[in-house]
Amino acid sequence: MCLDTNILIWGILSNGKTPKEKEMINKTQAFLKEKFDEKCPLAISVISLAEFMVKIPNEDKNKYLEIFEQNFIILEFNKNTALKAAIF
């Protein structure tokens, strides 16, 4: 299962400012916990990784990269990947 950047962001937020944000955080964290408990392989693209890391302070980037490398399959993205994705 390949996750989008939105899931990564909602999954790490600790609190929301609005009821809708709080709902999204709770839903996403429950979803991720369920998938990790099921040992479901989870993947992210290098594009999602880059989008996520853009807002992370430089001193924390290695910590987050390690978390992603330990818990997710990180998929390269190139022209062939894009063409295959467009078929589905």
PDB file of N, CA and C in Angstrom:
ATOM      1  N   MET A   1       0.844  -1.154   0.000  1.00  0.00           N
ATOM      2  CA  MET A   1       0.000   0.000   0.000  1.00  0.00           C
ATOM      3  C   MET A   1       0.898   1.228   0.000  1.00  0.00           C
ATOM      4  N   CYS A   2       0.668   2.103  -0.968  1.00  0.00           N
ATOM      5  CA  CYS A   2       1.476   3.308  -1.098  1.00  0.00           C
ATOM      6  C   CYS A   2       0.708   4.499  -0.524  1.00  0.00           C
ATOM      7  N   LEU A   3       1.351   5.202   0.381  1.00  0.00           N
ATOM      8  CA  LEU A   3       0.717   6.320   1.079  1.00  0.00           C
ATOM      9  C   LEU A   3       1.108   7.655   0.470  1.00  0.00           C
ATOM     10  N   ASP A   4       0.167   8.570   0.488  1.00  0.00           N
ATOM     11  CA  ASP A   4       0.403   9.917  -0.007  1.00  0.00           C
ATOM     12  C   ASP A   4       0.955  10.789   1.118  1.00  0.00           C
ATOM     13  N   THR A   5       1.485  11.925   0.750  1.00  0.00           N
ATOM     14  CA  THR A   5       2.061  12.863   1.714  1.00  0.00           C
ATOM     15  C   THR A   5       1.063  13.266   2.794  1.00  0.00           C
ATOM     16  N   ASN A   6      -0.200  13.441   2.421  1.00  0.00           N
ATOM     17  CA  ASN A   6      -1.227  13.847   3.401  1.00  0.00           C
ATOM     18  C   ASN A   6      -1.277  12.881   4.577  1.00  0.00           C
ATOM     19  N   ILE A   7      -1.190  11.595   4.286  1.00  0.00           N
ATOM     20  CA  ILE A   7      -1.245  10.582   5.347  1.00  0.00           C
ATOM     21  C   ILE A   7      -0.041  10.725   6.267  1.00  0.00           C
ATOM     22  N   LEU A   8       1.121  10.996   5.704  1.00  0.00           N
ATOM     23  CA  LEU A   8       2.320  11.177   6.536  1.00  0.00           C
ATOM     24  C   LEU A   8       2.147  12.379   7.465  1.00  0.00           C
ATOM     25  N   ILE A   9       1.618  13.455   6.923  1.00  0.00           N
ATOM     26  CA  ILE A   9       1.451  14.673   7.725  1.00  0.00           C
ATOM     27  C   ILE A   9       0.416  14.455   8.821  1.00  0.00           C
ATOM     28  N   TRP A  10      -0.774  13.952   8.461  1.00  0.00           N
ATOM     29  CA  TRP A  10      -1.808  13.721   9.485  1.00  0.00           C
ATOM     30  C   TRP A  10      -1.325  12.704  10.508  1.00  0.00           C
ATOM     31  N   GLY A  11      -0.515  11.751  10.076  1.00  0.00           N
ATOM     32  CA  GLY A  11      -0.059  10.693  10.976  1.00  0.00           C
ATOM     33  C   GLY A  11       0.906  11.147  12.053  1.00  0.00           C
ATOM     34  N   ILE A  12       1.603  12.265  11.820  1.00  0.00           N
ATOM     35  CA  ILE A  12       2.584  12.701  12.821  1.00  0.00           C
ATOM     36  C   ILE A  12       2.131  13.899  13.641  1.00  0.00           C
ATOM     37  N   LEU A  13       1.049  14.544  13.214  1.00  0.00           N
ATOM     38  CA  LEU A  13       0.569  15.688  13.990  1.00  0.00           C
ATOM     39  C   LEU A  13       0.071  15.212  15.346  1.00  0.00           C
ATOM     40  N   SER A  14       0.335  15.992  16.366  1.00  0.00           N
ATOM     41  CA  SER A  14      -0.099  15.590  17.711  1.00  0.00           C
ATOM     42  C   SER A  14      -1.403  16.254  18.124  1.00  0.00           C
ATOM     43  N   ASN A  15      -1.714  17.381  17.534  1.00  0.00           N
ATOM     44  CA  ASN A  15      -2.996  18.006  17.850  1.00  0.00           C
ATOM     45  C   ASN A  15      -3.438  18.893  16.703  1.00  0.00           C
ATOM     46  N   GLY A  16      -4.736  18.992  16.537  1.00  0.00           N
ATOM     47  CA  GLY A  16      -5.280  19.826  15.483  1.00  0.00           C
ATOM     48  C   GLY A  16      -5.862  21.105  16.046  1.00  0.00           C
ATOM     49  N   LYS A  17      -6.001  22.081  15.190  1.00  0.00           N
ATOM     50  CA  LYS A  17      -6.550  23.368  15.613  1.00  0.00           C
ATOM     51  C   LYS A  17      -8.070  23.405  15.505  1.00  0.00           C
ATOM     52  N   THR A  18      -8.620  22.597  14.597  1.00  0.00           N
ATOM     53  CA  THR A  18     -10.066  22.588  14.386  1.00  0.00           C
ATOM     54  C   THR A  18     -10.604  21.179  14.644  1.00  0.00           C
ATOM     55  N   PRO A  19     -11.908  21.056  14.850  1.00  0.00           N
ATOM     56  CA  PRO A  19     -12.484  19.708  15.020  1.00  0.00           C
ATOM     57  C   PRO A  19     -12.195  18.797  13.825  1.00  0.00           C
ATOM     58  N   LYS A  20     -12.228  19.338  12.605  1.00  0.00           N
ATOM     59  CA  LYS A  20     -11.946  18.527  11.411  1.00  0.00           C
ATOM     60  C   LYS A  20     -10.499  18.046  11.413  1.00  0.00           C
ATOM     61  N   GLU A  21      -9.563  18.912  11.765  1.00  0.00           N
ATOM     62  CA  GLU A  21      -8.155  18.498  11.843  1.00  0.00           C
ATOM     63  C   GLU A  21      -7.981  17.411  12.890  1.00  0.00           C
ATOM     64  N   LYS A  22      -8.597  17.573  14.046  1.00  0.00           N
ATOM     65  CA  LYS A  22      -8.502  16.551  15.102  1.00  0.00           C
ATOM     66  C   LYS A  22      -9.069  15.226  14.619  1.00  0.00           C
ATOM     67  N   GLU A  23     -10.178  15.289  13.892  1.00  0.00           N
ATOM     68  CA  GLU A  23     -10.789  14.073  13.347  1.00  0.00           C
ATOM     69  C   GLU A  23      -9.837  13.390  12.363  1.00  0.00           C
ATOM     70  N   MET A  24      -9.211  14.166  11.464  1.00  0.00           N
ATOM     71  CA  MET A  24      -8.299  13.597  10.480  1.00  0.00           C
ATOM     72  C   MET A  24      -7.070  12.983  11.151  1.00  0.00           C
ATOM     73  N   ILE A  25      -6.547  13.639  12.164  1.00  0.00           N
ATOM     74  CA  ILE A  25      -5.395  13.105  12.891  1.00  0.00           C
ATOM     75  C   ILE A  25      -5.765  11.777  13.539  1.00  0.00           C
ATOM     76  N   ASN A  26      -6.895  11.722  14.227  1.00  0.00           N
ATOM     77  CA  ASN A  26      -7.317  10.485  14.901  1.00  0.00           C
ATOM     78  C   ASN A  26      -7.557   9.358  13.906  1.00  0.00           C
ATOM     79  N   LYS A  27      -8.239   9.653  12.805  1.00  0.00           N
ATOM     80  CA  LYS A  27      -8.508   8.630  11.787  1.00  0.00           C
ATOM     81  C   LYS A  27      -7.209   8.097  11.182  1.00  0.00           C
ATOM     82  N   THR A  28      -6.315   9.020  10.849  1.00  0.00           N
ATOM     83  CA  THR A  28      -5.065   8.606  10.208  1.00  0.00           C
ATOM     84  C   THR A  28      -4.190   7.802  11.153  1.00  0.00           C
ATOM     85  N   GLN A  29      -4.074   8.239  12.386  1.00  0.00           N
ATOM     86  CA  GLN A  29      -3.250   7.500  13.343  1.00  0.00           C
ATOM     87  C   GLN A  29      -3.839   6.119  13.620  1.00  0.00           C
ATOM     88  N   ALA A  30      -5.162   6.002  13.688  1.00  0.00           N
ATOM     89  CA  ALA A  30      -5.798   4.694  13.875  1.00  0.00           C
ATOM     90  C   ALA A  30      -5.546   3.807  12.656  1.00  0.00           C
ATOM     91  N   PHE A  31      -5.651   4.372  11.462  1.00  0.00           N
ATOM     92  CA  PHE A  31      -5.400   3.633  10.225  1.00  0.00           C
ATOM     93  C   PHE A  31      -3.967   3.109  10.202  1.00  0.00           C
ATOM     94  N   LEU A  32      -2.991   3.990  10.486  1.00  0.00           N
ATOM     95  CA  LEU A  32      -1.591   3.571  10.466  1.00  0.00           C
ATOM     96  C   LEU A  32      -1.309   2.504  11.518  1.00  0.00           C
ATOM     97  N   LYS A  33      -1.867   2.671  12.711  1.00  0.00           N
ATOM     98  CA  LYS A  33      -1.667   1.671  13.759  1.00  0.00           C
ATOM     99  C   LYS A  33      -2.205   0.311  13.312  1.00  0.00           C
ATOM    100  N   GLU A  34      -3.393   0.325  12.712  1.00  0.00           N
ATOM    101  CA  GLU A  34      -3.990  -0.923  12.224  1.00  0.00           C
ATOM    102  C   GLU A  34      -3.104  -1.583  11.177  1.00  0.00           C
ATOM    103  N   LYS A  35      -2.593  -0.809  10.235  1.00  0.00           N
ATOM    104  CA  LYS A  35      -1.748  -1.369   9.178  1.00  0.00           C
ATOM    105  C   LYS A  35      -0.422  -1.888   9.735  1.00  0.00           C
ATOM    106  N   PHE A  36       0.175  -1.161  10.680  1.00  0.00           N
ATOM    107  CA  PHE A  36       1.413  -1.647  11.297  1.00  0.00           C
ATOM    108  C   PHE A  36       1.150  -2.916  12.098  1.00  0.00           C
ATOM    109  N   ASP A  37       0.033  -2.971  12.841  1.00  0.00           N
ATOM    110  CA  ASP A  37      -0.331  -4.169  13.610  1.00  0.00           C
ATOM    111  C   ASP A  37      -0.543  -5.372  12.692  1.00  0.00           C
ATOM    112  N   GLU A  38      -1.112  -5.124  11.520  1.00  0.00           N
ATOM    113  CA  GLU A  38      -1.350  -6.186  10.533  1.00  0.00           C
ATOM    114  C   GLU A  38      -0.075  -6.553   9.774  1.00  0.00           C
ATOM    115  N   LYS A  39       0.986  -5.817  10.027  1.00  0.00           N
ATOM    116  CA  LYS A  39       2.257  -5.996   9.314  1.00  0.00           C
ATOM    117  C   LYS A  39       2.083  -5.809   7.803  1.00  0.00           C
ATOM    118  N   CYS A  40       1.188  -4.911   7.443  1.00  0.00           N
ATOM    119  CA  CYS A  40       0.940  -4.568   6.051  1.00  0.00           C
ATOM    120  C   CYS A  40       2.119  -3.753   5.531  1.00  0.00           C
ATOM    121  N   PRO A  41       2.731  -4.177   4.421  1.00  0.00           N
ATOM    122  CA  PRO A  41       3.844  -3.388   3.887  1.00  0.00           C
ATOM    123  C   PRO A  41       3.329  -2.022   3.412  1.00  0.00           C
ATOM    124  N   LEU A  42       3.933  -0.972   3.904  1.00  0.00           N
ATOM    125  CA  LEU A  42       3.547   0.384   3.538  1.00  0.00           C
ATOM    126  C   LEU A  42       4.688   1.040   2.786  1.00  0.00           C
ATOM    127  N   ALA A  43       4.339   1.742   1.726  1.00  0.00           N
ATOM    128  CA  ALA A  43       5.350   2.390   0.898  1.00  0.00           C
ATOM    129  C   ALA A  43       5.038   3.877   0.763  1.00  0.00           C
ATOM    130  N   ILE A  44       6.090   4.625   0.521  1.00  0.00           N
ATOM    131  CA  ILE A  44       5.961   6.040   0.167  1.00  0.00           C
ATOM    132  C   ILE A  44       6.882   6.285  -1.018  1.00  0.00           C
ATOM    133  N   SER A  45       6.527   7.241  -1.852  1.00  0.00           N
ATOM    134  CA  SER A  45       7.401   7.570  -2.970  1.00  0.00           C
ATOM    135  C   SER A  45       8.447   8.588  -2.510  1.00  0.00           C
ATOM    136  N   VAL A  46       9.508   8.666  -3.267  1.00  0.00           N
ATOM    137  CA  VAL A  46      10.514   9.670  -2.952  1.00  0.00           C
ATOM    138  C   VAL A  46       9.920  11.073  -3.071  1.00  0.00           C
ATOM    139  N   ILE A  47       8.873  11.218  -3.887  1.00  0.00           N
ATOM    140  CA  ILE A  47       8.206  12.513  -4.018  1.00  0.00           C
ATOM    141  C   ILE A  47       7.511  12.867  -2.710  1.00  0.00           C
ATOM    142  N   SER A  48       6.783  11.916  -2.129  1.00  0.00           N
ATOM    143  CA  SER A  48       6.128  12.166  -0.839  1.00  0.00           C
ATOM    144  C   SER A  48       7.156  12.428   0.253  1.00  0.00           C
ATOM    145  N   LEU A  49       8.251  11.691   0.218  1.00  0.00           N
ATOM    146  CA  LEU A  49       9.313  11.916   1.195  1.00  0.00           C
ATOM    147  C   LEU A  49       9.840  13.344   1.088  1.00  0.00           C
ATOM    148  N   ALA A  50      10.095  13.797  -0.131  1.00  0.00           N
ATOM    149  CA  ALA A  50      10.600  15.159  -0.334  1.00  0.00           C
ATOM    150  C   ALA A  50       9.581  16.201   0.118  1.00  0.00           C
ATOM    151  N   GLU A  51       8.314  15.987  -0.227  1.00  0.00           N
ATOM    152  CA  GLU A  51       7.271  16.938   0.176  1.00  0.00           C
ATOM    153  C   GLU A  51       7.173  17.026   1.695  1.00  0.00           C
ATOM    154  N   PHE A  52       7.266  15.891   2.353  1.00  0.00           N
ATOM    155  CA  PHE A  52       7.185  15.867   3.818  1.00  0.00           C
ATOM    156  C   PHE A  52       8.394  16.576   4.438  1.00  0.00           C
ATOM    157  N   MET A  53       9.579  16.254   3.938  1.00  0.00           N
ATOM    158  CA  MET A  53      10.818  16.751   4.547  1.00  0.00           C
ATOM    159  C   MET A  53      11.015  18.253   4.376  1.00  0.00           C
ATOM    160  N   VAL A  54      10.335  18.859   3.406  1.00  0.00           N
ATOM    161  CA  VAL A  54      10.504  20.281   3.141  1.00  0.00           C
ATOM    162  C   VAL A  54      10.224  21.129   4.387  1.00  0.00           C
ATOM    163  N   LYS A  55       9.297  20.731   5.222  1.00  0.00           N
ATOM    164  CA  LYS A  55       8.923  21.523   6.402  1.00  0.00           C
ATOM    165  C   LYS A  55       9.659  21.093   7.681  1.00  0.00           C
ATOM    166  N   ILE A  56      10.498  20.076   7.577  1.00  0.00           N
ATOM    167  CA  ILE A  56      11.223  19.568   8.741  1.00  0.00           C
ATOM    168  C   ILE A  56      12.517  20.378   8.910  1.00  0.00           C
ATOM    169  N   PRO A  57      12.794  20.848  10.118  1.00  0.00           N
ATOM    170  CA  PRO A  57      14.064  21.577  10.332  1.00  0.00           C
ATOM    171  C   PRO A  57      15.263  20.687   9.975  1.00  0.00           C
ATOM    172  N   ASN A  58      16.293  21.292   9.420  1.00  0.00           N
ATOM    173  CA  ASN A  58      17.475  20.536   8.982  1.00  0.00           C
ATOM    174  C   ASN A  58      18.025  19.622  10.063  1.00  0.00           C
ATOM    175  N   GLU A  59      18.028  20.085  11.313  1.00  0.00           N
ATOM    176  CA  GLU A  59      18.600  19.270  12.393  1.00  0.00           C
ATOM    177  C   GLU A  59      17.763  18.027  12.701  1.00  0.00           C
ATOM    178  N   ASP A  60      16.523  17.959  12.215  1.00  0.00           N
ATOM    179  CA  ASP A  60      15.655  16.798  12.467  1.00  0.00           C
ATOM    180  C   ASP A  60      15.503  15.885  11.258  1.00  0.00           C
ATOM    181  N   LYS A  61      16.024  16.286  10.106  1.00  0.00           N
ATOM    182  CA  LYS A  61      15.811  15.509   8.872  1.00  0.00           C
ATOM    183  C   LYS A  61      16.342  14.079   8.978  1.00  0.00           C
ATOM    184  N   ASN A  62      17.522  13.879   9.541  1.00  0.00           N
ATOM    185  CA  ASN A  62      18.076  12.520   9.642  1.00  0.00           C
ATOM    186  C   ASN A  62      17.216  11.632  10.529  1.00  0.00           C
ATOM    187  N   LYS A  63      16.671  12.192  11.603  1.00  0.00           N
ATOM    188  CA  LYS A  63      15.805  11.424  12.500  1.00  0.00           C
ATOM    189  C   LYS A  63      14.565  10.927  11.745  1.00  0.00           C
ATOM    190  N   TYR A  64      13.937  11.819  10.982  1.00  0.00           N
ATOM    191  CA  TYR A  64      12.748  11.429  10.225  1.00  0.00           C
ATOM    192  C   TYR A  64      13.087  10.456   9.109  1.00  0.00           C
ATOM    193  N   LEU A  65      14.211  10.681   8.431  1.00  0.00           N
ATOM    194  CA  LEU A  65      14.622   9.772   7.370  1.00  0.00           C
ATOM    195  C   LEU A  65      14.816   8.367   7.923  1.00  0.00           C
ATOM    196  N   GLU A  66      15.429   8.261   9.075  1.00  0.00           N
ATOM    197  CA  GLU A  66      15.625   6.951   9.708  1.00  0.00           C
ATOM    198  C   GLU A  66      14.279   6.288  10.027  1.00  0.00           C
ATOM    199  N   ILE A  67      13.338   7.062  10.526  1.00  0.00           N
ATOM    200  CA  ILE A  67      12.002   6.525  10.825  1.00  0.00           C
ATOM    201  C   ILE A  67      11.348   5.997   9.548  1.00  0.00           C
ATOM    202  N   PHE A  68      11.432   6.776   8.480  1.00  0.00           N
ATOM    203  CA  PHE A  68      10.833   6.334   7.217  1.00  0.00           C
ATOM    204  C   PHE A  68      11.532   5.093   6.678  1.00  0.00           C
ATOM    205  N   GLU A  69      12.849   5.060   6.727  1.00  0.00           N
ATOM    206  CA  GLU A  69      13.587   3.907   6.208  1.00  0.00           C
ATOM    207  C   GLU A  69      13.288   2.636   7.001  1.00  0.00           C
ATOM    208  N   GLN A  70      13.037   2.762   8.292  1.00  0.00           N
ATOM    209  CA  GLN A  70      12.755   1.592   9.127  1.00  0.00           C
ATOM    210  C   GLN A  70      11.319   1.103   8.993  1.00  0.00           C
ATOM    211  N   ASN A  71      10.391   1.981   8.621  1.00  0.00           N
ATOM    212  CA  ASN A  71       8.977   1.626   8.666  1.00  0.00           C
ATOM    213  C   ASN A  71       8.270   1.584   7.318  1.00  0.00           C
ATOM    214  N   PHE A  72       8.907   2.084   6.274  1.00  0.00           N
ATOM    215  CA  PHE A  72       8.261   2.162   4.970  1.00  0.00           C
ATOM    216  C   PHE A  72       9.205   1.703   3.872  1.00  0.00           C
ATOM    217  N   ILE A  73       8.622   1.195   2.811  1.00  0.00           N
ATOM    218  CA  ILE A  73       9.374   0.952   1.587  1.00  0.00           C
ATOM    219  C   ILE A  73       9.396   2.298   0.860  1.00  0.00           C
ATOM    220  N   ILE A  74      10.573   2.765   0.496  1.00  0.00           N
ATOM    221  CA  ILE A  74      10.685   4.049  -0.194  1.00  0.00           C
ATOM    222  C   ILE A  74      10.886   3.760  -1.681  1.00  0.00           C
ATOM    223  N   LEU A  75       9.907   4.180  -2.470  1.00  0.00           N
ATOM    224  CA  LEU A  75       9.890   3.875  -3.898  1.00  0.00           C
ATOM    225  C   LEU A  75      10.513   4.994  -4.722  1.00  0.00           C
ATOM    226  N   GLU A  76      11.414   4.617  -5.609  1.00  0.00           N
ATOM    227  CA  GLU A  76      11.971   5.569  -6.563  1.00  0.00           C
ATOM    228  C   GLU A  76      10.864   5.946  -7.544  1.00  0.00           C
ATOM    229  N   PHE A  77      10.953   7.090  -8.126  1.00  0.00           N
ATOM    230  CA  PHE A  77       9.951   7.516  -9.095  1.00  0.00           C
ATOM    231  C   PHE A  77      10.663   8.061 -10.318  1.00  0.00           C
ATOM    232  N   ASN A  78      10.346   7.457 -11.455  1.00  0.00           N
ATOM    233  CA  ASN A  78      10.951   7.892 -12.708  1.00  0.00           C
ATOM    234  C   ASN A  78       9.900   7.785 -13.814  1.00  0.00           C
ATOM    235  N   LYS A  79      10.315   7.965 -15.043  1.00  0.00           N
ATOM    236  CA  LYS A  79       9.387   7.950 -16.165  1.00  0.00           C
ATOM    237  C   LYS A  79       8.649   6.611 -16.267  1.00  0.00           C
ATOM    238  N   ASN A  80       9.360   5.509 -16.112  1.00  0.00           N
ATOM    239  CA  ASN A  80       8.714   4.186 -16.205  1.00  0.00           C
ATOM    240  C   ASN A  80       7.693   3.989 -15.094  1.00  0.00           C
ATOM    241  N   THR A  81       8.026   4.436 -13.894  1.00  0.00           N
ATOM    242  CA  THR A  81       7.085   4.333 -12.782  1.00  0.00           C
ATOM    243  C   THR A  81       5.836   5.147 -13.081  1.00  0.00           C
ATOM    244  N   ALA A  82       6.003   6.338 -13.586  1.00  0.00           N
ATOM    245  CA  ALA A  82       4.868   7.205 -13.918  1.00  0.00           C
ATOM    246  C   ALA A  82       3.967   6.565 -14.963  1.00  0.00           C
ATOM    247  N   LEU A  83       4.562   5.966 -15.985  1.00  0.00           N
ATOM    248  CA  LEU A  83       3.767   5.319 -17.034  1.00  0.00           C
ATOM    249  C   LEU A  83       3.018   4.111 -16.488  1.00  0.00           C
ATOM    250  N   LYS A  84       3.652   3.324 -15.624  1.00  0.00           N
ATOM    251  CA  LYS A  84       2.975   2.172 -15.023  1.00  0.00           C
ATOM    252  C   LYS A  84       1.838   2.627 -14.120  1.00  0.00           C
ATOM    253  N   ALA A  85       2.069   3.673 -13.358  1.00  0.00           N
ATOM    254  CA  ALA A  85       1.030   4.184 -12.459  1.00  0.00           C
ATOM    255  C   ALA A  85      -0.165   4.698 -13.253  1.00  0.00           C
ATOM    256  N   ALA A  86       0.088   5.248 -14.419  1.00  0.00           N
ATOM    257  CA  ALA A  86      -0.987   5.805 -15.248  1.00  0.00           C
ATOM    258  C   ALA A  86      -1.895   4.712 -15.823  1.00  0.00           C
ATOM    259  N   ILE A  87      -1.414   3.486 -15.881  1.00  0.00           N
ATOM    260  CA  ILE A  87      -2.208   2.369 -16.406  1.00  0.00           C
ATOM    261  C   ILE A  87      -3.302   1.963 -15.420  1.00  0.00           C
ATOM    262  N   PHE A  88      -3.031   2.094 -14.130  1.00  0.00           N
ATOM    263  CA  PHE A  88      -3.973   1.618 -13.126  1.00  0.00           C
ATOM    264  C   PHE A  88      -4.994   2.610 -12.827  1.00  0.00           C
TER     265      PHE A  88
END
